[in-house]
Amino acid sequence: MEACVECCKPHTELVNWPSLRGKVCPVCEPKLYTAHLKPEPECIRSYDGGATCDGPVTYRQSYAGTGLQIAECAKHQVEACEREQGLRRRYPELAPADFDPLYAGESWDGDY
């Protein structure tokens, strides 16, 4: 059983805090948050096991506009940006010049 780096007591459930160079218990973790300390984020793409991360892990805004913060390494942030740009090119917000709403009864603005 590992010990918490904050209280030095052994616990079965510990959370990794790389900035403290160790793991903390669920009792000590809220205290660290109130002290405005935060664990270093892990890249969201590293959870599938096959991803190879590269560069520092930072937070970015979700491209969906939900306001969520996404933790990704530099490599995966570049890949996500390229994917998003590809989607924006294929599905622009403005209708193409040759779009005719009367053809097949479709609309571009989302009113279905």
PDB file of N, CA and C in Angstrom:
ATOM      1  N   MET A   1       0.847  -1.177   0.000  1.00  0.00           N
ATOM      2  CA  MET A   1       0.000   0.000   0.000  1.00  0.00           C
ATOM      3  C   MET A   1       0.895   1.244   0.000  1.00  0.00           C
ATOM      4  N   GLU A   2       0.609   2.165  -0.929  1.00  0.00           N
ATOM      5  CA  GLU A   2       1.412   3.389  -1.031  1.00  0.00           C
ATOM      6  C   GLU A   2       0.955   4.423  -0.009  1.00  0.00           C
ATOM      7  N   ALA A   3       1.848   5.344   0.297  1.00  0.00           N
ATOM      8  CA  ALA A   3       1.538   6.406   1.244  1.00  0.00           C
ATOM      9  C   ALA A   3       1.287   7.714   0.510  1.00  0.00           C
ATOM     10  N   CYS A   4       0.424   8.509   1.054  1.00  0.00           N
ATOM     11  CA  CYS A   4       0.123   9.842   0.524  1.00  0.00           C
ATOM     12  C   CYS A   4       1.331  10.750   0.767  1.00  0.00           C
ATOM     13  N   VAL A   5       1.712  11.539  -0.235  1.00  0.00           N
ATOM     14  CA  VAL A   5       2.865  12.436  -0.083  1.00  0.00           C
ATOM     15  C   VAL A   5       2.539  13.635   0.803  1.00  0.00           C
ATOM     16  N   GLU A   6       1.268  13.889   1.043  1.00  0.00           N
ATOM     17  CA  GLU A   6       0.857  15.032   1.858  1.00  0.00           C
ATOM     18  C   GLU A   6       0.774  14.656   3.339  1.00  0.00           C
ATOM     19  N   CYS A   7       0.045  13.587   3.654  1.00  0.00           N
ATOM     20  CA  CYS A   7      -0.147  13.200   5.057  1.00  0.00           C
ATOM     21  C   CYS A   7       0.737  12.029   5.483  1.00  0.00           C
ATOM     22  N   CYS A   8       1.395  11.379   4.526  1.00  0.00           N
ATOM     23  CA  CYS A   8       2.312  10.257   4.753  1.00  0.00           C
ATOM     24  C   CYS A   8       1.623   9.017   5.317  1.00  0.00           C
ATOM     25  N   LYS A   9       0.304   8.924   5.200  1.00  0.00           N
ATOM     26  CA  LYS A   9      -0.419   7.749   5.666  1.00  0.00           C
ATOM     27  C   LYS A   9      -0.679   6.822   4.481  1.00  0.00           C
ATOM     28  N   PRO A  10      -0.639   5.518   4.706  1.00  0.00           N
ATOM     29  CA  PRO A  10      -0.924   4.584   3.614  1.00  0.00           C
ATOM     30  C   PRO A  10      -2.412   4.581   3.257  1.00  0.00           C
ATOM     31  N   HIS A  11      -2.709   4.542   1.964  1.00  0.00           N
ATOM     32  CA  HIS A  11      -4.088   4.527   1.476  1.00  0.00           C
ATOM     33  C   HIS A  11      -4.179   3.560   0.298  1.00  0.00           C
ATOM     34  N   THR A  12      -5.385   3.040   0.099  1.00  0.00           N
ATOM     35  CA  THR A  12      -5.593   2.138  -1.037  1.00  0.00           C
ATOM     36  C   THR A  12      -5.886   2.906  -2.314  1.00  0.00           C
ATOM     37  N   GLU A  13      -6.524   4.071  -2.192  1.00  0.00           N
ATOM     38  CA  GLU A  13      -6.857   4.883  -3.371  1.00  0.00           C
ATOM     39  C   GLU A  13      -6.061   6.179  -3.324  1.00  0.00           C
ATOM     40  N   LEU A  14      -5.200   6.351  -4.305  1.00  0.00           N
ATOM     41  CA  LEU A  14      -4.393   7.567  -4.389  1.00  0.00           C
ATOM     42  C   LEU A  14      -4.532   8.182  -5.768  1.00  0.00           C
ATOM     43  N   VAL A  15      -4.406   9.508  -5.826  1.00  0.00           N
ATOM     44  CA  VAL A  15      -4.498  10.245  -7.083  1.00  0.00           C
ATOM     45  C   VAL A  15      -3.112  10.793  -7.401  1.00  0.00           C
ATOM     46  N   ASN A  16      -2.669  10.635  -8.641  1.00  0.00           N
ATOM     47  CA  ASN A  16      -1.339  11.069  -9.053  1.00  0.00           C
ATOM     48  C   ASN A  16      -1.291  12.594  -9.179  1.00  0.00           C
ATOM     49  N   TRP A  17      -0.332  13.205  -8.498  1.00  0.00           N
ATOM     50  CA  TRP A  17      -0.080  14.645  -8.606  1.00  0.00           C
ATOM     51  C   TRP A  17       1.379  14.830  -8.982  1.00  0.00           C
ATOM     52  N   PRO A  18       1.699  14.863 -10.295  1.00  0.00           N
ATOM     53  CA  PRO A  18       3.105  14.986 -10.706  1.00  0.00           C
ATOM     54  C   PRO A  18       3.784  16.240 -10.174  1.00  0.00           C
ATOM     55  N   SER A  19       3.029  17.317  -9.970  1.00  0.00           N
ATOM     56  CA  SER A  19       3.654  18.548  -9.482  1.00  0.00           C
ATOM     57  C   SER A  19       4.185  18.376  -8.054  1.00  0.00           C
ATOM     58  N   LEU A  20       3.612  17.435  -7.303  1.00  0.00           N
ATOM     59  CA  LEU A  20       4.109  17.136  -5.956  1.00  0.00           C
ATOM     60  C   LEU A  20       5.053  15.941  -5.955  1.00  0.00           C
ATOM     61  N   ARG A  21       5.281  15.369  -7.142  1.00  0.00           N
ATOM     62  CA  ARG A  21       6.134  14.194  -7.312  1.00  0.00           C
ATOM     63  C   ARG A  21       5.637  13.011  -6.485  1.00  0.00           C
ATOM     64  N   GLY A  22       4.340  12.772  -6.595  1.00  0.00           N
ATOM     65  CA  GLY A  22       3.787  11.635  -5.881  1.00  0.00           C
ATOM     66  C   GLY A  22       2.278  11.566  -5.987  1.00  0.00           C
ATOM     67  N   LYS A  23       1.702  10.789  -5.080  1.00  0.00           N
ATOM     68  CA  LYS A  23       0.256  10.592  -5.078  1.00  0.00           C
ATOM     69  C   LYS A  23      -0.318  11.059  -3.757  1.00  0.00           C
ATOM     70  N   VAL A  24      -1.553  11.579  -3.819  1.00  0.00           N
ATOM     71  CA  VAL A  24      -2.218  12.055  -2.614  1.00  0.00           C
ATOM     72  C   VAL A  24      -3.509  11.274  -2.394  1.00  0.00           C
ATOM     73  N   CYS A  25      -3.948  11.249  -1.149  1.00  0.00           N
ATOM     74  CA  CYS A  25      -5.157  10.515  -0.789  1.00  0.00           C
ATOM     75  C   CYS A  25      -6.394  11.391  -1.020  1.00  0.00           C
ATOM     76  N   PRO A  26      -7.592  10.788  -1.035  1.00  0.00           N
ATOM     77  CA  PRO A  26      -8.823  11.564  -1.223  1.00  0.00           C
ATOM     78  C   PRO A  26      -9.092  12.555  -0.102  1.00  0.00           C
ATOM     79  N   VAL A  27      -8.487  12.356   1.067  1.00  0.00           N
ATOM     80  CA  VAL A  27      -8.662  13.285   2.177  1.00  0.00           C
ATOM     81  C   VAL A  27      -7.840  14.550   1.952  1.00  0.00           C
ATOM     82  N   CYS A  28      -6.624  14.395   1.483  1.00  0.00           N
ATOM     83  CA  CYS A  28      -5.724  15.535   1.283  1.00  0.00           C
ATOM     84  C   CYS A  28      -5.986  16.291  -0.013  1.00  0.00           C
ATOM     85  N   GLU A  29      -6.544  15.625  -1.012  1.00  0.00           N
ATOM     86  CA  GLU A  29      -6.734  16.264  -2.322  1.00  0.00           C
ATOM     87  C   GLU A  29      -7.575  17.537  -2.253  1.00  0.00           C
ATOM     88  N   PRO A  30      -8.723  17.551  -1.555  1.00  0.00           N
ATOM     89  CA  PRO A  30      -9.490  18.812  -1.479  1.00  0.00           C
ATOM     90  C   PRO A  30      -8.706  19.957  -0.850  1.00  0.00           C
ATOM     91  N   LYS A  31      -7.828  19.634   0.095  1.00  0.00           N
ATOM     92  CA  LYS A  31      -7.003  20.665   0.727  1.00  0.00           C
ATOM     93  C   LYS A  31      -6.055  21.300  -0.285  1.00  0.00           C
ATOM     94  N   LEU A  32      -5.538  20.487  -1.196  1.00  0.00           N
ATOM     95  CA  LEU A  32      -4.626  21.017  -2.211  1.00  0.00           C
ATOM     96  C   LEU A  32      -5.359  21.925  -3.186  1.00  0.00           C
ATOM     97  N   TYR A  33      -6.607  21.565  -3.520  1.00  0.00           N
ATOM     98  CA  TYR A  33      -7.392  22.426  -4.408  1.00  0.00           C
ATOM     99  C   TYR A  33      -7.698  23.760  -3.748  1.00  0.00           C
ATOM    100  N   THR A  34      -8.011  23.759  -2.447  1.00  0.00           N
ATOM    101  CA  THR A  34      -8.287  25.020  -1.771  1.00  0.00           C
ATOM    102  C   THR A  34      -7.030  25.866  -1.642  1.00  0.00           C
ATOM    103  N   ALA A  35      -5.876  25.234  -1.690  1.00  0.00           N
ATOM    104  CA  ALA A  35      -4.609  25.971  -1.674  1.00  0.00           C
ATOM    105  C   ALA A  35      -4.218  26.417  -3.077  1.00  0.00           C
ATOM    106  N   HIS A  36      -5.155  26.260  -4.029  1.00  0.00           N
ATOM    107  CA  HIS A  36      -4.971  26.650  -5.427  1.00  0.00           C
ATOM    108  C   HIS A  36      -3.867  25.860  -6.120  1.00  0.00           C
ATOM    109  N   LEU A  37      -3.640  24.651  -5.658  1.00  0.00           N
ATOM    110  CA  LEU A  37      -2.735  23.746  -6.351  1.00  0.00           C
ATOM    111  C   LEU A  37      -3.585  22.841  -7.226  1.00  0.00           C
ATOM    112  N   LYS A  38      -3.097  22.506  -8.372  1.00  0.00           N
ATOM    113  CA  LYS A  38      -3.832  21.636  -9.275  1.00  0.00           C
ATOM    114  C   LYS A  38      -2.908  20.536  -9.780  1.00  0.00           C
ATOM    115  N   PRO A  39      -3.478  19.345 -10.004  1.00  0.00           N
ATOM    116  CA  PRO A  39      -2.632  18.307 -10.582  1.00  0.00           C
ATOM    117  C   PRO A  39      -2.302  18.650 -12.023  1.00  0.00           C
ATOM    118  N   GLU A  40      -1.155  18.191 -12.460  1.00  0.00           N
ATOM    119  CA  GLU A  40      -0.814  18.414 -13.861  1.00  0.00           C
ATOM    120  C   GLU A  40      -1.756  17.576 -14.707  1.00  0.00           C
ATOM    121  N   PRO A  41      -2.302  18.162 -15.761  1.00  0.00           N
ATOM    122  CA  PRO A  41      -3.270  17.416 -16.567  1.00  0.00           C
ATOM    123  C   PRO A  41      -2.614  16.299 -17.367  1.00  0.00           C
ATOM    124  N   GLU A  42      -3.400  15.263 -17.658  1.00  0.00           N
ATOM    125  CA  GLU A  42      -2.962  14.186 -18.535  1.00  0.00           C
ATOM    126  C   GLU A  42      -3.678  14.360 -19.858  1.00  0.00           C
ATOM    127  N   CYS A  43      -3.003  14.054 -20.931  1.00  0.00           N
ATOM    128  CA  CYS A  43      -3.593  14.166 -22.258  1.00  0.00           C
ATOM    129  C   CYS A  43      -4.785  13.224 -22.364  1.00  0.00           C
ATOM    130  N   ILE A  44      -5.892  13.740 -22.837  1.00  0.00           N
ATOM    131  CA  ILE A  44      -7.107  12.944 -22.955  1.00  0.00           C
ATOM    132  C   ILE A  44      -6.926  11.808 -23.952  1.00  0.00           C
ATOM    133  N   ARG A  45      -6.036  11.960 -24.893  1.00  0.00           N
ATOM    134  CA  ARG A  45      -5.787  10.932 -25.912  1.00  0.00           C
ATOM    135  C   ARG A  45      -4.907   9.801 -25.380  1.00  0.00           C
ATOM    136  N   SER A  46      -4.274   9.964 -24.224  1.00  0.00           N
ATOM    137  CA  SER A  46      -3.384   8.932 -23.686  1.00  0.00           C
ATOM    138  C   SER A  46      -4.148   7.805 -23.005  1.00  0.00           C
ATOM    139  N   TYR A  47      -5.453   7.958 -22.807  1.00  0.00           N
ATOM    140  CA  TYR A  47      -6.219   6.945 -22.089  1.00  0.00           C
ATOM    141  C   TYR A  47      -6.496   5.701 -22.915  1.00  0.00           C
ATOM    142  N   ASP A  48      -6.388   5.774 -24.233  1.00  0.00           N
ATOM    143  CA  ASP A  48      -6.675   4.584 -25.034  1.00  0.00           C
ATOM    144  C   ASP A  48      -5.492   3.615 -25.082  1.00  0.00           C
ATOM    145  N   GLY A  49      -4.358   3.999 -24.538  1.00  0.00           N
ATOM    146  CA  GLY A  49      -3.218   3.106 -24.447  1.00  0.00           C
ATOM    147  C   GLY A  49      -2.321   3.107 -25.676  1.00  0.00           C
ATOM    148  N   GLY A  50      -2.853   3.345 -26.864  1.00  0.00           N
ATOM    149  CA  GLY A  50      -2.052   3.296 -28.072  1.00  0.00           C
ATOM    150  C   GLY A  50      -1.535   4.643 -28.525  1.00  0.00           C
ATOM    151  N   ALA A  51      -1.960   5.724 -27.878  1.00  0.00           N
ATOM    152  CA  ALA A  51      -1.565   7.063 -28.305  1.00  0.00           C
ATOM    153  C   ALA A  51      -0.141   7.372 -27.863  1.00  0.00           C
ATOM    154  N   THR A  52       0.594   8.049 -28.725  1.00  0.00           N
ATOM    155  CA  THR A  52       1.930   8.505 -28.377  1.00  0.00           C
ATOM    156  C   THR A  52       1.879  10.016 -28.236  1.00  0.00           C
ATOM    157  N   CYS A  53       1.977  10.474 -27.016  1.00  0.00           N
ATOM    158  CA  CYS A  53       1.902  11.909 -26.737  1.00  0.00           C
ATOM    159  C   CYS A  53       3.271  12.543 -26.897  1.00  0.00           C
ATOM    160  N   ASP A  54       3.268  13.846 -27.183  1.00  0.00           N
ATOM    161  CA  ASP A  54       4.510  14.575 -27.333  1.00  0.00           C
ATOM    162  C   ASP A  54       4.264  16.031 -26.968  1.00  0.00           C
ATOM    163  N   GLY A  55       5.124  16.601 -26.167  1.00  0.00           N
ATOM    164  CA  GLY A  55       5.017  18.002 -25.792  1.00  0.00           C
ATOM    165  C   GLY A  55       4.254  18.187 -24.495  1.00  0.00           C
ATOM    166  N   PRO A  56       4.213  19.427 -24.012  1.00  0.00           N
ATOM    167  CA  PRO A  56       3.541  19.703 -22.745  1.00  0.00           C
ATOM    168  C   PRO A  56       2.021  19.554 -22.879  1.00  0.00           C
ATOM    169  N   VAL A  57       1.395  19.127 -21.796  1.00  0.00           N
ATOM    170  CA  VAL A  57      -0.059  18.976 -21.754  1.00  0.00           C
ATOM    171  C   VAL A  57      -0.659  20.264 -21.202  1.00  0.00           C
ATOM    172  N   THR A  58      -1.528  20.882 -21.985  1.00  0.00           N
ATOM    173  CA  THR A  58      -2.214  22.102 -21.568  1.00  0.00           C
ATOM    174  C   THR A  58      -3.697  21.973 -21.875  1.00  0.00           C
ATOM    175  N   TYR A  59      -4.462  22.893 -21.354  1.00  0.00           N
ATOM    176  CA  TYR A  59      -5.900  22.903 -21.603  1.00  0.00           C
ATOM    177  C   TYR A  59      -6.223  23.784 -22.800  1.00  0.00           C
ATOM    178  N   ARG A  60      -7.260  23.390 -23.551  1.00  0.00           N
ATOM    179  CA  ARG A  60      -7.764  24.209 -24.647  1.00  0.00           C
ATOM    180  C   ARG A  60      -9.285  24.176 -24.586  1.00  0.00           C
ATOM    181  N   GLN A  61      -9.917  25.163 -25.190  1.00  0.00           N
ATOM    182  CA  GLN A  61     -11.379  25.201 -25.263  1.00  0.00           C
ATOM    183  C   GLN A  61     -11.874  24.128 -26.215  1.00  0.00           C
ATOM    184  N   SER A  62     -12.990  23.536 -25.896  1.00  0.00           N
ATOM    185  CA  SER A  62     -13.610  22.559 -26.784  1.00  0.00           C
ATOM    186  C   SER A  62     -14.045  23.248 -28.064  1.00  0.00           C
ATOM    187  N   TYR A  63     -13.808  22.597 -29.206  1.00  0.00           N
ATOM    188  CA  TYR A  63     -14.216  23.169 -30.483  1.00  0.00           C
ATOM    189  C   TYR A  63     -15.726  23.140 -30.655  1.00  0.00           C
ATOM    190  N   ALA A  64     -16.428  22.351 -29.846  1.00  0.00           N
ATOM    191  CA  ALA A  64     -17.885  22.261 -29.945  1.00  0.00           C
ATOM    192  C   ALA A  64     -18.572  23.495 -29.370  1.00  0.00           C
ATOM    193  N   GLY A  65     -17.843  24.340 -28.685  1.00  0.00           N
ATOM    194  CA  GLY A  65     -18.432  25.544 -28.120  1.00  0.00           C
ATOM    195  C   GLY A  65     -19.185  25.291 -26.829  1.00  0.00           C
ATOM    196  N   THR A  66     -18.904  24.178 -26.149  1.00  0.00           N
ATOM    197  CA  THR A  66     -19.593  23.850 -24.908  1.00  0.00           C
ATOM    198  C   THR A  66     -18.995  24.547 -23.702  1.00  0.00           C
ATOM    199  N   GLY A  67     -17.796  25.105 -23.845  1.00  0.00           N
ATOM    200  CA  GLY A  67     -17.119  25.744 -22.728  1.00  0.00           C
ATOM    201  C   GLY A  67     -16.240  24.790 -21.936  1.00  0.00           C
ATOM    202  N   LEU A  68     -16.220  23.520 -22.311  1.00  0.00           N
ATOM    203  CA  LEU A  68     -15.385  22.549 -21.615  1.00  0.00           C
ATOM    204  C   LEU A  68     -13.920  22.768 -21.952  1.00  0.00           C
ATOM    205  N   GLN A  69     -13.072  22.455 -21.002  1.00  0.00           N
ATOM    206  CA  GLN A  69     -11.637  22.526 -21.203  1.00  0.00           C
ATOM    207  C   GLN A  69     -11.134  21.117 -21.529  1.00  0.00           C
ATOM    208  N   ILE A  70     -10.365  20.970 -22.590  1.00  0.00           N
ATOM    209  CA  ILE A  70      -9.825  19.693 -23.020  1.00  0.00           C
ATOM    210  C   ILE A  70      -8.323  19.696 -22.754  1.00  0.00           C
ATOM    211  N   ALA A  71      -7.840  18.693 -22.014  1.00  0.00           N
ATOM    212  CA  ALA A  71      -6.401  18.568 -21.737  1.00  0.00           C
ATOM    213  C   ALA A  71      -5.780  17.690 -22.810  1.00  0.00           C
ATOM    214  N   GLU A  72      -4.864  18.273 -23.584  1.00  0.00           N
ATOM    215  CA  GLU A  72      -4.188  17.534 -24.642  1.00  0.00           C
ATOM    216  C   GLU A  72      -2.726  17.956 -24.698  1.00  0.00           C
ATOM    217  N   CYS A  73      -1.873  17.017 -25.139  1.00  0.00           N
ATOM    218  CA  CYS A  73      -0.474  17.355 -25.356  1.00  0.00           C
ATOM    219  C   CYS A  73      -0.379  18.194 -26.634  1.00  0.00           C
ATOM    220  N   ALA A  74       0.777  18.764 -26.855  1.00  0.00           N
ATOM    221  CA  ALA A  74       0.964  19.642 -28.017  1.00  0.00           C
ATOM    222  C   ALA A  74       0.683  18.907 -29.327  1.00  0.00           C
ATOM    223  N   LYS A  75       1.150  17.665 -29.427  1.00  0.00           N
ATOM    224  CA  LYS A  75       0.944  16.890 -30.654  1.00  0.00           C
ATOM    225  C   LYS A  75      -0.539  16.674 -30.936  1.00  0.00           C
ATOM    226  N   HIS A  76      -1.301  16.281 -29.919  1.00  0.00           N
ATOM    227  CA  HIS A  76      -2.717  16.011 -30.131  1.00  0.00           C
ATOM    228  C   HIS A  76      -3.545  17.294 -30.300  1.00  0.00           C
ATOM    229  N   GLN A  77      -3.067  18.415 -29.760  1.00  0.00           N
ATOM    230  CA  GLN A  77      -3.748  19.679 -30.013  1.00  0.00           C
ATOM    231  C   GLN A  77      -3.626  20.072 -31.479  1.00  0.00           C
ATOM    232  N   VAL A  78      -2.455  19.844 -32.061  1.00  0.00           N
ATOM    233  CA  VAL A  78      -2.258  20.138 -33.489  1.00  0.00           C
ATOM    234  C   VAL A  78      -3.162  19.239 -34.332  1.00  0.00           C
ATOM    235  N   GLU A  79      -3.213  17.942 -33.983  1.00  0.00           N
ATOM    236  CA  GLU A  79      -4.067  17.011 -34.728  1.00  0.00           C
ATOM    237  C   GLU A  79      -5.545  17.401 -34.608  1.00  0.00           C
ATOM    238  N   ALA A  80      -5.981  17.802 -33.412  1.00  0.00           N
ATOM    239  CA  ALA A  80      -7.371  18.202 -33.212  1.00  0.00           C
ATOM    240  C   ALA A  80      -7.698  19.461 -34.008  1.00  0.00           C
ATOM    241  N   CYS A  81      -6.752  20.391 -34.065  1.00  0.00           N
ATOM    242  CA  CYS A  81      -6.952  21.622 -34.833  1.00  0.00           C
ATOM    243  C   CYS A  81      -7.075  21.311 -36.320  1.00  0.00           C
ATOM    244  N   GLU A  82      -6.228  20.412 -36.810  1.00  0.00           N
ATOM    245  CA  GLU A  82      -6.296  20.031 -38.228  1.00  0.00           C
ATOM    246  C   GLU A  82      -7.620  19.335 -38.546  1.00  0.00           C
ATOM    247  N   ARG A  83      -8.093  18.460 -37.636  1.00  0.00           N
ATOM    248  CA  ARG A  83      -9.393  17.802 -37.835  1.00  0.00           C
ATOM    249  C   ARG A  83     -10.514  18.831 -37.886  1.00  0.00           C
ATOM    250  N   GLU A  84     -10.469  19.791 -36.968  1.00  0.00           N
ATOM    251  CA  GLU A  84     -11.506  20.820 -36.905  1.00  0.00           C
ATOM    252  C   GLU A  84     -11.493  21.688 -38.166  1.00  0.00           C
ATOM    253  N   GLN A  85     -10.310  22.059 -38.638  1.00  0.00           N
ATOM    254  CA  GLN A  85     -10.219  22.852 -39.866  1.00  0.00           C
ATOM    255  C   GLN A  85     -10.760  22.080 -41.056  1.00  0.00           C
ATOM    256  N   GLY A  86     -10.482  20.773 -41.123  1.00  0.00           N
ATOM    257  CA  GLY A  86     -11.020  19.936 -42.192  1.00  0.00           C
ATOM    258  C   GLY A  86     -12.543  19.890 -42.153  1.00  0.00           C
ATOM    259  N   LEU A  87     -13.104  19.776 -40.951  1.00  0.00           N
ATOM    260  CA  LEU A  87     -14.563  19.779 -40.824  1.00  0.00           C
ATOM    261  C   LEU A  87     -15.152  21.116 -41.255  1.00  0.00           C
ATOM    262  N   ARG A  88     -14.496  22.205 -40.862  1.00  0.00           N
ATOM    263  CA  ARG A  88     -14.992  23.556 -41.236  1.00  0.00           C
ATOM    264  C   ARG A  88     -14.934  23.763 -42.757  1.00  0.00           C
ATOM    265  N   ARG A  89     -13.916  23.180 -43.407  1.00  0.00           N
ATOM    266  CA  ARG A  89     -13.844  23.296 -44.872  1.00  0.00           C
ATOM    267  C   ARG A  89     -14.962  22.489 -45.536  1.00  0.00           C
ATOM    268  N   ARG A  90     -15.193  21.269 -45.029  1.00  0.00           N
ATOM    269  CA  ARG A  90     -16.224  20.411 -45.630  1.00  0.00           C
ATOM    270  C   ARG A  90     -17.635  20.883 -45.313  1.00  0.00           C
ATOM    271  N   TYR A  91     -17.825  21.438 -44.121  1.00  0.00           N
ATOM    272  CA  TYR A  91     -19.154  21.864 -43.688  1.00  0.00           C
ATOM    273  C   TYR A  91     -19.106  23.315 -43.210  1.00  0.00           C
ATOM    274  N   PRO A  92     -19.011  24.259 -44.129  1.00  0.00           N
ATOM    275  CA  PRO A  92     -18.917  25.670 -43.726  1.00  0.00           C
ATOM    276  C   PRO A  92     -20.222  26.145 -43.087  1.00  0.00           C
ATOM    277  N   GLU A  93     -20.105  27.210 -42.300  1.00  0.00           N
ATOM    278  CA  GLU A  93     -21.289  27.761 -41.638  1.00  0.00           C
ATOM    279  C   GLU A  93     -22.187  28.503 -42.626  1.00  0.00           C
ATOM    280  N   LEU A  94     -21.588  29.066 -43.663  1.00  0.00           N
ATOM    281  CA  LEU A  94     -22.369  29.761 -44.681  1.00  0.00           C
ATOM    282  C   LEU A  94     -22.648  28.819 -45.841  1.00  0.00           C
ATOM    283  N   ALA A  95     -23.805  28.960 -46.431  1.00  0.00           N
ATOM    284  CA  ALA A  95     -24.176  28.101 -47.554  1.00  0.00           C
ATOM    285  C   ALA A  95     -23.278  28.383 -48.756  1.00  0.00           C
ATOM    286  N   PRO A  96     -22.897  27.351 -49.494  1.00  0.00           N
ATOM    287  CA  PRO A  96     -22.115  27.574 -50.707  1.00  0.00           C
ATOM    288  C   PRO A  96     -22.930  28.374 -51.727  1.00  0.00           C
ATOM    289  N   ALA A  97     -22.235  28.985 -52.661  1.00  0.00           N
ATOM    290  CA  ALA A  97     -22.905  29.842 -53.648  1.00  0.00           C
ATOM    291  C   ALA A  97     -23.914  29.066 -54.489  1.00  0.00           C
ATOM    292  N   ASP A  98     -23.672  27.776 -54.726  1.00  0.00           N
ATOM    293  CA  ASP A  98     -24.585  27.012 -55.574  1.00  0.00           C
ATOM    294  C   ASP A  98     -25.682  26.283 -54.776  1.00  0.00           C
ATOM    295  N   PHE A  99     -25.829  26.600 -53.484  1.00  0.00           N
ATOM    296  CA  PHE A  99     -26.857  25.947 -52.676  1.00  0.00           C
ATOM    297  C   PHE A  99     -28.232  26.529 -53.002  1.00  0.00           C
ATOM    298  N   ASP A 100     -29.177  25.666 -53.294  1.00  0.00           N
ATOM    299  CA  ASP A 100     -30.542  26.088 -53.606  1.00  0.00           C
ATOM    300  C   ASP A 100     -31.493  25.439 -52.601  1.00  0.00           C
ATOM    301  N   PRO A 101     -32.117  26.222 -51.712  1.00  0.00           N
ATOM    302  CA  PRO A 101     -33.006  25.636 -50.711  1.00  0.00           C
ATOM    303  C   PRO A 101     -34.254  24.988 -51.316  1.00  0.00           C
ATOM    304  N   LEU A 102     -34.606  25.333 -52.531  1.00  0.00           N
ATOM    305  CA  LEU A 102     -35.781  24.740 -53.158  1.00  0.00           C
ATOM    306  C   LEU A 102     -35.492  23.345 -53.702  1.00  0.00           C
ATOM    307  N   TYR A 103     -34.213  23.052 -53.942  1.00  0.00           N
ATOM    308  CA  TYR A 103     -33.838  21.743 -54.462  1.00  0.00           C
ATOM    309  C   TYR A 103     -33.910  20.727 -53.326  1.00  0.00           C
ATOM    310  N   ALA A 104     -34.740  19.753 -53.424  1.00  0.00           N
ATOM    311  CA  ALA A 104     -34.929  18.668 -52.452  1.00  0.00           C
ATOM    312  C   ALA A 104     -35.446  19.156 -51.111  1.00  0.00           C
ATOM    313  N   GLY A 105     -35.889  20.392 -51.002  1.00  0.00           N
ATOM    314  CA  GLY A 105     -36.489  20.898 -49.764  1.00  0.00           C
ATOM    315  C   GLY A 105     -35.553  20.966 -48.585  1.00  0.00           C
ATOM    316  N   GLU A 106     -34.277  21.190 -48.804  1.00  0.00           N
ATOM    317  CA  GLU A 106     -33.311  21.254 -47.729  1.00  0.00           C
ATOM    318  C   GLU A 106     -33.069  22.702 -47.291  1.00  0.00           C
ATOM    319  N   SER A 107     -32.559  22.863 -46.068  1.00  0.00           N
ATOM    320  CA  SER A 107     -32.193  24.200 -45.593  1.00  0.00           C
ATOM    321  C   SER A 107     -30.776  24.147 -45.034  1.00  0.00           C
ATOM    322  N   TRP A 108     -30.097  25.273 -45.036  1.00  0.00           N
ATOM    323  CA  TRP A 108     -28.718  25.335 -44.580  1.00  0.00           C
ATOM    324  C   TRP A 108     -28.633  25.827 -43.144  1.00  0.00           C
ATOM    325  N   ASP A 109     -29.617  26.578 -42.676  1.00  0.00           N
ATOM    326  CA  ASP A 109     -29.514  27.232 -41.380  1.00  0.00           C
ATOM    327  C   ASP A 109     -29.911  26.360 -40.197  1.00  0.00           C
ATOM    328  N   GLY A 110     -30.260  25.118 -40.408  1.00  0.00           N
ATOM    329  CA  GLY A 110     -30.564  24.235 -39.301  1.00  0.00           C
ATOM    330  C   GLY A 110     -32.029  24.160 -38.937  1.00  0.00           C
ATOM    331  N   ASP A 111     -32.903  24.918 -39.587  1.00  0.00           N
ATOM    332  CA  ASP A 111     -34.335  24.829 -39.324  1.00  0.00           C
ATOM    333  C   ASP A 111     -34.888  23.630 -40.090  1.00  0.00           C
ATOM    334  N   TYR A 112     -35.254  22.612 -39.358  1.00  0.00           N
ATOM    335  CA  TYR A 112     -35.720  21.399 -40.026  1.00  0.00           C
ATOM    336  C   TYR A 112     -37.212  21.260 -39.904  1.00  0.00           C
TER     337      TYR A 112
END
